[in-house]
């Protein structure tokens, strides 16, 4: 069985689930999901710049509404549960946990713990961070010792 660590920041859409579960053809895949809610990952200004770059001005205006702190954990737990159930419904094994601090340290530890074959980072585009190679995928490539695949999530289920 192929073992993937899947790092996400919001609930997987049905298109995301189909995409990641079919990456390896018919080979069975076990997913270990790490979710850090978006409100915990980057500050509002960077998220607003990303929204503007994508032409999503309404989203940029609403960045102040992104849950943070305890509220983000509650929303994150729900997103993780939905994502795990969707992966299982698609025929994959799936386990997961929320990340509250230092996502790349948690990623490195989980890769070693489960003997992962790869890491998949599935997030919305973060243009500022990606330009400066400060996004999760760019930084993970120097830390985890396995291939890292960067994918952009689908915004609608």
N, C-alpha and C. Protein backbone atom coordinates (compact mmCIF):
# COMPACT_ATOMS: atom_id res chain seq x y z
N UNK A 1 0.84 -1.18 0.00
CA UNK A 1 0.00 0.00 0.00
C UNK A 1 0.88 1.24 0.00
N UNK A 2 0.50 2.22 -0.80
CA UNK A 2 1.22 3.48 -0.92
C UNK A 2 0.76 4.40 0.21
N UNK A 3 1.67 5.06 0.87
CA UNK A 3 1.34 5.93 2.01
C UNK A 3 1.63 7.38 1.65
N UNK A 4 0.58 8.21 1.72
CA UNK A 4 0.70 9.63 1.42
C UNK A 4 0.34 10.44 2.65
N UNK A 5 1.14 11.46 2.92
CA UNK A 5 0.76 12.47 3.90
C UNK A 5 0.17 13.62 3.11
N UNK A 6 -1.05 13.98 3.45
CA UNK A 6 -1.79 15.01 2.74
C UNK A 6 -1.95 16.21 3.66
N UNK A 7 -1.36 17.34 3.27
CA UNK A 7 -1.41 18.55 4.08
C UNK A 7 -2.42 19.51 3.46
N UNK A 8 -3.44 19.89 4.24
CA UNK A 8 -4.51 20.73 3.73
C UNK A 8 -4.81 21.87 4.72
N UNK A 9 -5.59 22.86 4.24
CA UNK A 9 -5.96 23.98 5.09
C UNK A 9 -7.47 24.17 5.19
N UNK A 10 -8.22 23.36 4.46
CA UNK A 10 -9.69 23.42 4.50
C UNK A 10 -10.22 22.07 4.05
N UNK A 11 -11.52 21.89 4.18
CA UNK A 11 -12.14 20.63 3.79
C UNK A 11 -11.89 20.32 2.32
N UNK A 12 -11.64 19.06 2.03
CA UNK A 12 -11.47 18.63 0.64
C UNK A 12 -12.81 18.69 -0.08
N UNK A 13 -12.78 19.12 -1.33
CA UNK A 13 -13.97 19.07 -2.17
C UNK A 13 -14.04 17.69 -2.81
N UNK A 14 -15.16 17.38 -3.42
CA UNK A 14 -15.28 16.09 -4.10
C UNK A 14 -14.25 15.99 -5.23
N UNK A 15 -13.98 17.10 -5.91
CA UNK A 15 -12.98 17.10 -6.98
C UNK A 15 -11.58 16.85 -6.41
N UNK A 16 -11.27 17.44 -5.24
CA UNK A 16 -9.98 17.20 -4.59
C UNK A 16 -9.82 15.72 -4.25
N UNK A 17 -10.87 15.14 -3.68
CA UNK A 17 -10.82 13.73 -3.28
C UNK A 17 -10.60 12.84 -4.50
N UNK A 18 -11.33 13.10 -5.56
CA UNK A 18 -11.17 12.30 -6.77
C UNK A 18 -9.74 12.43 -7.31
N UNK A 19 -9.22 13.64 -7.29
CA UNK A 19 -7.87 13.88 -7.82
C UNK A 19 -6.82 13.12 -7.02
N UNK A 20 -6.82 13.28 -5.69
CA UNK A 20 -5.75 12.64 -4.90
C UNK A 20 -5.90 11.14 -4.82
N UNK A 21 -7.13 10.63 -4.88
CA UNK A 21 -7.31 9.18 -4.78
C UNK A 21 -7.03 8.46 -6.09
N UNK A 22 -6.91 9.20 -7.18
CA UNK A 22 -6.62 8.56 -8.47
C UNK A 22 -5.20 8.82 -8.97
N UNK A 23 -4.40 9.53 -8.18
CA UNK A 23 -3.03 9.85 -8.60
C UNK A 23 -2.19 8.61 -8.87
N UNK A 24 -2.45 7.54 -8.17
CA UNK A 24 -1.63 6.33 -8.29
C UNK A 24 -2.38 5.18 -8.95
N UNK A 25 -3.33 5.53 -9.80
CA UNK A 25 -4.07 4.51 -10.54
C UNK A 25 -4.84 3.61 -9.60
N UNK A 26 -4.69 2.30 -9.80
CA UNK A 26 -5.44 1.33 -9.00
C UNK A 26 -4.73 0.93 -7.71
N UNK A 27 -3.53 1.45 -7.49
CA UNK A 27 -2.79 1.09 -6.27
C UNK A 27 -3.51 1.66 -5.04
N UNK A 28 -3.74 0.82 -4.02
CA UNK A 28 -4.40 1.33 -2.82
C UNK A 28 -3.50 2.35 -2.11
N UNK A 29 -4.14 3.39 -1.56
CA UNK A 29 -3.41 4.47 -0.90
C UNK A 29 -3.96 4.67 0.51
N UNK A 30 -3.06 4.86 1.42
CA UNK A 30 -3.40 5.22 2.79
C UNK A 30 -3.01 6.68 2.99
N UNK A 31 -3.99 7.50 3.40
CA UNK A 31 -3.75 8.92 3.60
C UNK A 31 -3.64 9.25 5.09
N UNK A 32 -2.65 10.04 5.42
CA UNK A 32 -2.50 10.61 6.76
C UNK A 32 -2.62 12.12 6.56
N UNK A 33 -3.72 12.67 7.02
CA UNK A 33 -4.06 14.06 6.72
C UNK A 33 -3.66 14.97 7.88
N UNK A 34 -2.97 16.05 7.53
CA UNK A 34 -2.69 17.13 8.47
C UNK A 34 -3.47 18.35 8.00
N UNK A 35 -4.25 18.94 8.88
CA UNK A 35 -5.01 20.12 8.53
C UNK A 35 -4.65 21.24 9.48
N UNK A 36 -4.20 22.34 8.92
CA UNK A 36 -4.03 23.56 9.69
C UNK A 36 -4.99 24.58 9.09
N UNK A 37 -5.98 25.00 9.89
CA UNK A 37 -6.97 25.94 9.34
C UNK A 37 -6.31 27.18 8.78
N UNK A 38 -6.90 27.71 7.73
CA UNK A 38 -6.32 28.85 7.02
C UNK A 38 -6.10 30.05 7.92
N UNK A 39 -6.97 30.27 8.87
CA UNK A 39 -6.83 31.40 9.77
C UNK A 39 -5.58 31.33 10.63
N UNK A 40 -5.01 30.14 10.77
CA UNK A 40 -3.82 29.97 11.58
C UNK A 40 -2.54 30.08 10.76
N UNK A 41 -2.63 29.96 9.45
CA UNK A 41 -1.44 29.79 8.64
C UNK A 41 -0.77 31.08 8.19
N UNK A 42 -1.52 32.05 7.82
CA UNK A 42 -0.91 33.26 7.26
C UNK A 42 -1.69 34.47 7.75
N UNK A 43 -1.06 35.60 7.75
CA UNK A 43 -1.79 36.76 8.24
C UNK A 43 -2.77 37.27 7.19
N UNK A 44 -3.65 38.12 7.64
CA UNK A 44 -4.74 38.60 6.79
C UNK A 44 -4.25 39.35 5.55
N UNK A 45 -3.20 40.12 5.69
CA UNK A 45 -2.71 40.90 4.55
C UNK A 45 -2.27 39.98 3.41
N UNK A 46 -1.49 38.95 3.72
CA UNK A 46 -1.06 38.02 2.67
C UNK A 46 -2.25 37.32 2.03
N UNK A 47 -3.23 36.92 2.84
CA UNK A 47 -4.41 36.27 2.27
C UNK A 47 -5.18 37.23 1.38
N UNK A 48 -5.30 38.48 1.79
CA UNK A 48 -6.01 39.48 0.98
C UNK A 48 -5.29 39.72 -0.35
N UNK A 49 -3.96 39.78 -0.31
CA UNK A 49 -3.18 39.96 -1.55
C UNK A 49 -3.42 38.77 -2.50
N UNK A 50 -3.43 37.56 -1.94
CA UNK A 50 -3.71 36.38 -2.76
C UNK A 50 -5.10 36.48 -3.39
N UNK A 51 -6.09 36.89 -2.59
CA UNK A 51 -7.45 37.02 -3.12
C UNK A 51 -7.51 38.04 -4.26
N UNK A 52 -6.84 39.16 -4.08
CA UNK A 52 -6.83 40.19 -5.12
C UNK A 52 -6.14 39.67 -6.38
N UNK A 53 -5.03 38.94 -6.21
CA UNK A 53 -4.32 38.38 -7.36
C UNK A 53 -5.20 37.40 -8.13
N UNK A 54 -6.10 36.73 -7.43
CA UNK A 54 -7.01 35.79 -8.08
C UNK A 54 -8.26 36.48 -8.62
N UNK A 55 -8.36 37.81 -8.41
CA UNK A 55 -9.52 38.54 -8.88
C UNK A 55 -10.74 38.36 -7.99
N UNK A 56 -10.52 37.89 -6.78
CA UNK A 56 -11.62 37.64 -5.84
C UNK A 56 -11.68 38.78 -4.83
N UNK A 57 -12.13 39.94 -5.29
CA UNK A 57 -12.17 41.14 -4.45
C UNK A 57 -13.11 40.97 -3.26
N UNK A 58 -14.23 40.29 -3.47
CA UNK A 58 -15.16 40.08 -2.36
C UNK A 58 -14.50 39.27 -1.25
N UNK A 59 -13.70 38.28 -1.63
CA UNK A 59 -12.99 37.48 -0.64
C UNK A 59 -11.97 38.32 0.12
N UNK A 60 -11.29 39.20 -0.57
CA UNK A 60 -10.29 40.05 0.07
C UNK A 60 -10.94 40.92 1.14
N UNK A 61 -12.13 41.42 0.85
CA UNK A 61 -12.84 42.26 1.81
C UNK A 61 -13.25 41.46 3.03
N UNK A 62 -13.56 40.18 2.85
CA UNK A 62 -14.03 39.33 3.95
C UNK A 62 -12.92 38.62 4.72
N UNK A 63 -11.67 38.90 4.43
CA UNK A 63 -10.58 38.22 5.13
C UNK A 63 -10.64 38.40 6.64
N UNK A 64 -11.16 39.53 7.10
CA UNK A 64 -11.28 39.75 8.53
C UNK A 64 -12.26 38.80 9.20
N UNK A 65 -13.10 38.14 8.39
CA UNK A 65 -14.09 37.20 8.92
C UNK A 65 -13.53 35.78 9.06
N UNK A 66 -12.31 35.53 8.59
CA UNK A 66 -11.72 34.20 8.69
C UNK A 66 -11.55 33.84 10.15
N UNK A 67 -12.10 32.69 10.57
CA UNK A 67 -11.99 32.30 11.98
C UNK A 67 -10.53 32.13 12.40
N UNK A 68 -10.27 32.51 13.64
CA UNK A 68 -8.93 32.35 14.20
C UNK A 68 -9.05 31.81 15.61
N UNK A 69 -7.95 31.32 16.16
CA UNK A 69 -7.93 30.83 17.53
C UNK A 69 -8.83 29.62 17.72
N UNK A 70 -9.59 29.63 18.82
CA UNK A 70 -10.47 28.49 19.14
C UNK A 70 -11.51 28.24 18.05
N UNK A 71 -12.04 29.33 17.51
CA UNK A 71 -13.04 29.19 16.45
C UNK A 71 -12.44 28.49 15.23
N UNK A 72 -11.20 28.79 14.91
CA UNK A 72 -10.54 28.14 13.77
C UNK A 72 -10.36 26.65 14.05
N UNK A 73 -10.06 26.29 15.29
CA UNK A 73 -9.89 24.87 15.62
C UNK A 73 -11.20 24.11 15.45
N UNK A 74 -12.29 24.72 15.85
CA UNK A 74 -13.59 24.07 15.72
C UNK A 74 -13.95 23.86 14.24
N UNK A 75 -13.76 24.91 13.46
CA UNK A 75 -14.02 24.82 12.02
C UNK A 75 -13.05 23.82 11.39
N UNK A 76 -11.79 23.83 11.83
CA UNK A 76 -10.79 22.90 11.32
C UNK A 76 -11.12 21.46 11.62
N UNK A 77 -11.60 21.19 12.83
CA UNK A 77 -11.99 19.82 13.21
C UNK A 77 -13.09 19.31 12.30
N UNK A 78 -14.08 20.17 12.03
CA UNK A 78 -15.18 19.78 11.13
C UNK A 78 -14.65 19.52 9.73
N UNK A 79 -13.76 20.38 9.24
CA UNK A 79 -13.19 20.20 7.90
C UNK A 79 -12.38 18.92 7.82
N UNK A 80 -11.64 18.61 8.87
CA UNK A 80 -10.86 17.37 8.89
C UNK A 80 -11.78 16.16 8.87
N UNK A 81 -12.82 16.17 9.69
CA UNK A 81 -13.75 15.04 9.74
C UNK A 81 -14.41 14.81 8.39
N UNK A 82 -14.85 15.90 7.75
CA UNK A 82 -15.48 15.79 6.42
C UNK A 82 -14.49 15.21 5.41
N UNK A 83 -13.26 15.69 5.45
CA UNK A 83 -12.23 15.23 4.50
C UNK A 83 -11.90 13.76 4.69
N UNK A 84 -11.75 13.34 5.94
CA UNK A 84 -11.44 11.93 6.21
C UNK A 84 -12.57 11.02 5.75
N UNK A 85 -13.81 11.43 6.02
CA UNK A 85 -14.95 10.62 5.58
C UNK A 85 -15.00 10.54 4.05
N UNK A 86 -14.71 11.63 3.38
CA UNK A 86 -14.74 11.64 1.91
C UNK A 86 -13.66 10.71 1.34
N UNK A 87 -12.47 10.73 1.93
CA UNK A 87 -11.40 9.84 1.47
C UNK A 87 -11.77 8.38 1.69
N UNK A 88 -12.35 8.09 2.84
CA UNK A 88 -12.77 6.71 3.14
C UNK A 88 -13.88 6.26 2.20
N UNK A 89 -14.82 7.16 1.92
CA UNK A 89 -15.92 6.83 1.00
C UNK A 89 -15.41 6.54 -0.41
N UNK A 90 -14.26 7.13 -0.75
CA UNK A 90 -13.65 6.90 -2.06
C UNK A 90 -12.82 5.61 -2.07
N UNK A 91 -12.78 4.89 -0.94
CA UNK A 91 -12.09 3.61 -0.90
C UNK A 91 -10.67 3.64 -0.36
N UNK A 92 -10.25 4.76 0.19
CA UNK A 92 -8.90 4.87 0.74
C UNK A 92 -8.93 4.76 2.26
N UNK A 93 -7.83 4.33 2.82
CA UNK A 93 -7.66 4.43 4.27
C UNK A 93 -7.32 5.87 4.58
N UNK A 94 -7.82 6.39 5.70
CA UNK A 94 -7.54 7.78 6.04
C UNK A 94 -7.58 7.99 7.55
N UNK A 95 -6.56 8.67 8.04
CA UNK A 95 -6.48 9.10 9.43
C UNK A 95 -5.99 10.53 9.39
N UNK A 96 -6.22 11.29 10.44
CA UNK A 96 -5.77 12.67 10.40
C UNK A 96 -5.73 13.35 11.73
N UNK A 97 -5.14 14.53 11.72
CA UNK A 97 -5.05 15.35 12.93
C UNK A 97 -4.94 16.82 12.55
N UNK A 98 -5.35 17.66 13.49
CA UNK A 98 -5.19 19.10 13.34
C UNK A 98 -3.78 19.49 13.72
N UNK A 99 -3.28 20.52 13.07
CA UNK A 99 -1.97 21.09 13.41
C UNK A 99 -2.22 22.48 13.96
N UNK A 100 -1.74 22.72 15.16
CA UNK A 100 -1.94 24.03 15.75
C UNK A 100 -0.68 24.89 15.68
N UNK A 101 0.48 24.28 15.78
CA UNK A 101 1.73 25.01 15.77
C UNK A 101 2.72 24.33 14.84
N UNK A 102 3.57 25.11 14.23
CA UNK A 102 4.70 24.61 13.45
C UNK A 102 4.31 23.48 12.49
N UNK A 103 3.56 23.80 11.43
CA UNK A 103 3.07 22.76 10.53
C UNK A 103 4.17 21.93 9.88
N UNK A 104 5.30 22.52 9.57
CA UNK A 104 6.36 21.74 8.92
C UNK A 104 7.04 20.78 9.88
N UNK A 105 7.13 21.14 11.14
CA UNK A 105 7.65 20.20 12.14
C UNK A 105 6.71 19.02 12.29
N UNK A 106 5.40 19.31 12.33
CA UNK A 106 4.40 18.24 12.43
C UNK A 106 4.45 17.35 11.19
N UNK A 107 4.64 17.96 10.02
CA UNK A 107 4.73 17.21 8.77
C UNK A 107 5.93 16.28 8.78
N UNK A 108 7.08 16.81 9.15
CA UNK A 108 8.31 16.00 9.18
C UNK A 108 8.16 14.83 10.14
N UNK A 109 7.59 15.09 11.31
CA UNK A 109 7.40 14.02 12.30
C UNK A 109 6.44 12.96 11.79
N UNK A 110 5.35 13.37 11.15
CA UNK A 110 4.37 12.40 10.65
C UNK A 110 4.95 11.57 9.51
N UNK A 111 5.70 12.19 8.61
CA UNK A 111 6.34 11.44 7.51
C UNK A 111 7.21 10.34 8.08
N UNK A 112 8.00 10.65 9.10
CA UNK A 112 8.87 9.64 9.72
C UNK A 112 8.04 8.60 10.46
N UNK A 113 7.02 9.03 11.17
CA UNK A 113 6.19 8.12 11.97
C UNK A 113 5.51 7.06 11.12
N UNK A 114 4.97 7.45 9.98
CA UNK A 114 4.18 6.51 9.16
C UNK A 114 4.99 5.92 8.00
N UNK A 115 6.23 6.34 7.84
CA UNK A 115 7.03 5.85 6.71
C UNK A 115 6.43 6.25 5.38
N UNK A 116 6.05 7.50 5.26
CA UNK A 116 5.36 7.99 4.06
C UNK A 116 6.21 7.85 2.81
N UNK A 117 5.53 7.58 1.70
CA UNK A 117 6.18 7.52 0.39
C UNK A 117 6.22 8.88 -0.29
N UNK A 118 5.29 9.77 0.10
CA UNK A 118 5.21 11.09 -0.51
C UNK A 118 4.44 12.02 0.39
N UNK A 119 4.56 13.31 0.08
CA UNK A 119 3.75 14.35 0.71
C UNK A 119 3.00 15.06 -0.40
N UNK A 120 1.72 15.28 -0.18
CA UNK A 120 0.90 16.08 -1.09
C UNK A 120 0.45 17.30 -0.31
N UNK A 121 0.79 18.48 -0.81
CA UNK A 121 0.33 19.73 -0.21
C UNK A 121 -0.77 20.25 -1.12
N UNK A 122 -1.99 20.29 -0.58
CA UNK A 122 -3.17 20.67 -1.35
C UNK A 122 -3.78 21.91 -0.70
N UNK A 123 -3.52 23.08 -1.27
CA UNK A 123 -3.98 24.34 -0.69
C UNK A 123 -4.49 25.27 -1.78
N UNK A 124 -5.10 26.35 -1.33
CA UNK A 124 -5.40 27.44 -2.25
C UNK A 124 -4.07 28.05 -2.69
N UNK A 125 -4.04 28.76 -3.81
CA UNK A 125 -2.81 29.45 -4.19
C UNK A 125 -2.44 30.51 -3.15
N UNK A 126 -1.17 30.60 -2.85
CA UNK A 126 -0.65 31.64 -1.95
C UNK A 126 0.51 32.30 -2.68
N UNK A 127 0.17 33.21 -3.57
CA UNK A 127 1.15 33.76 -4.51
C UNK A 127 2.34 34.44 -3.84
N UNK A 128 2.10 35.22 -2.82
CA UNK A 128 3.21 35.92 -2.16
C UNK A 128 4.17 34.90 -1.56
N UNK A 129 3.64 33.94 -0.80
CA UNK A 129 4.48 32.92 -0.18
C UNK A 129 5.18 32.06 -1.23
N UNK A 130 4.48 31.70 -2.29
CA UNK A 130 5.07 30.86 -3.33
C UNK A 130 6.19 31.61 -4.07
N UNK A 131 5.98 32.89 -4.33
CA UNK A 131 7.00 33.68 -5.02
C UNK A 131 8.31 33.67 -4.23
N UNK A 132 8.21 33.76 -2.92
CA UNK A 132 9.40 33.78 -2.07
C UNK A 132 9.78 32.38 -1.55
N UNK A 133 9.12 31.36 -2.09
CA UNK A 133 9.38 29.97 -1.70
C UNK A 133 9.22 29.77 -0.20
N UNK A 134 8.20 30.40 0.36
CA UNK A 134 7.90 30.28 1.79
C UNK A 134 6.61 29.50 2.00
N UNK A 135 6.04 28.94 0.93
CA UNK A 135 4.83 28.14 1.06
C UNK A 135 5.20 26.76 1.62
N UNK A 136 4.19 26.03 2.07
CA UNK A 136 4.43 24.72 2.69
C UNK A 136 5.22 23.78 1.78
N UNK A 137 4.82 23.68 0.53
CA UNK A 137 5.46 22.72 -0.37
C UNK A 137 6.94 23.05 -0.57
N UNK A 138 7.25 24.29 -0.83
CA UNK A 138 8.64 24.69 -1.05
C UNK A 138 9.50 24.41 0.17
N UNK A 139 8.98 24.74 1.34
CA UNK A 139 9.75 24.52 2.56
C UNK A 139 9.83 23.04 2.92
N UNK A 140 8.77 22.29 2.65
CA UNK A 140 8.76 20.86 2.98
C UNK A 140 9.79 20.08 2.16
N UNK A 141 10.03 20.51 0.93
CA UNK A 141 10.98 19.80 0.08
C UNK A 141 12.37 19.72 0.70
N UNK A 142 12.68 20.65 1.59
CA UNK A 142 13.99 20.67 2.24
C UNK A 142 13.99 19.98 3.59
N UNK A 143 12.82 19.48 4.02
CA UNK A 143 12.71 18.94 5.37
C UNK A 143 12.35 17.47 5.46
N UNK A 144 11.56 16.96 4.54
CA UNK A 144 10.90 15.67 4.79
C UNK A 144 11.59 14.45 4.21
N UNK A 145 12.42 14.59 3.21
CA UNK A 145 13.15 13.45 2.68
C UNK A 145 12.36 12.53 1.76
N UNK A 146 11.16 12.94 1.36
CA UNK A 146 10.37 12.19 0.37
C UNK A 146 9.86 13.19 -0.66
N UNK A 147 9.40 12.71 -1.82
CA UNK A 147 8.87 13.65 -2.83
C UNK A 147 7.69 14.45 -2.28
N UNK A 148 7.63 15.73 -2.69
CA UNK A 148 6.56 16.62 -2.28
C UNK A 148 5.86 17.13 -3.53
N UNK A 149 4.55 16.90 -3.59
CA UNK A 149 3.74 17.33 -4.73
C UNK A 149 2.86 18.49 -4.28
N UNK A 150 2.91 19.60 -5.01
CA UNK A 150 2.08 20.77 -4.71
C UNK A 150 0.89 20.78 -5.65
N UNK A 151 -0.31 20.78 -5.08
CA UNK A 151 -1.55 20.83 -5.85
C UNK A 151 -2.41 21.99 -5.35
N UNK A 152 -3.20 22.57 -6.24
CA UNK A 152 -4.12 23.60 -5.84
C UNK A 152 -5.51 22.98 -5.65
N UNK A 153 -6.12 23.34 -4.54
CA UNK A 153 -7.44 22.78 -4.23
C UNK A 153 -8.50 23.42 -5.12
N UNK A 154 -9.59 22.69 -5.25
CA UNK A 154 -10.75 23.20 -5.97
C UNK A 154 -11.60 23.94 -4.95
N UNK A 155 -12.06 25.12 -5.29
CA UNK A 155 -12.72 25.95 -4.30
C UNK A 155 -14.15 25.57 -4.02
N UNK A 156 -14.82 24.92 -4.94
CA UNK A 156 -16.23 24.56 -4.73
C UNK A 156 -16.37 23.04 -4.75
N UNK A 157 -17.25 22.53 -3.88
CA UNK A 157 -17.48 21.08 -3.80
C UNK A 157 -18.30 20.60 -4.97
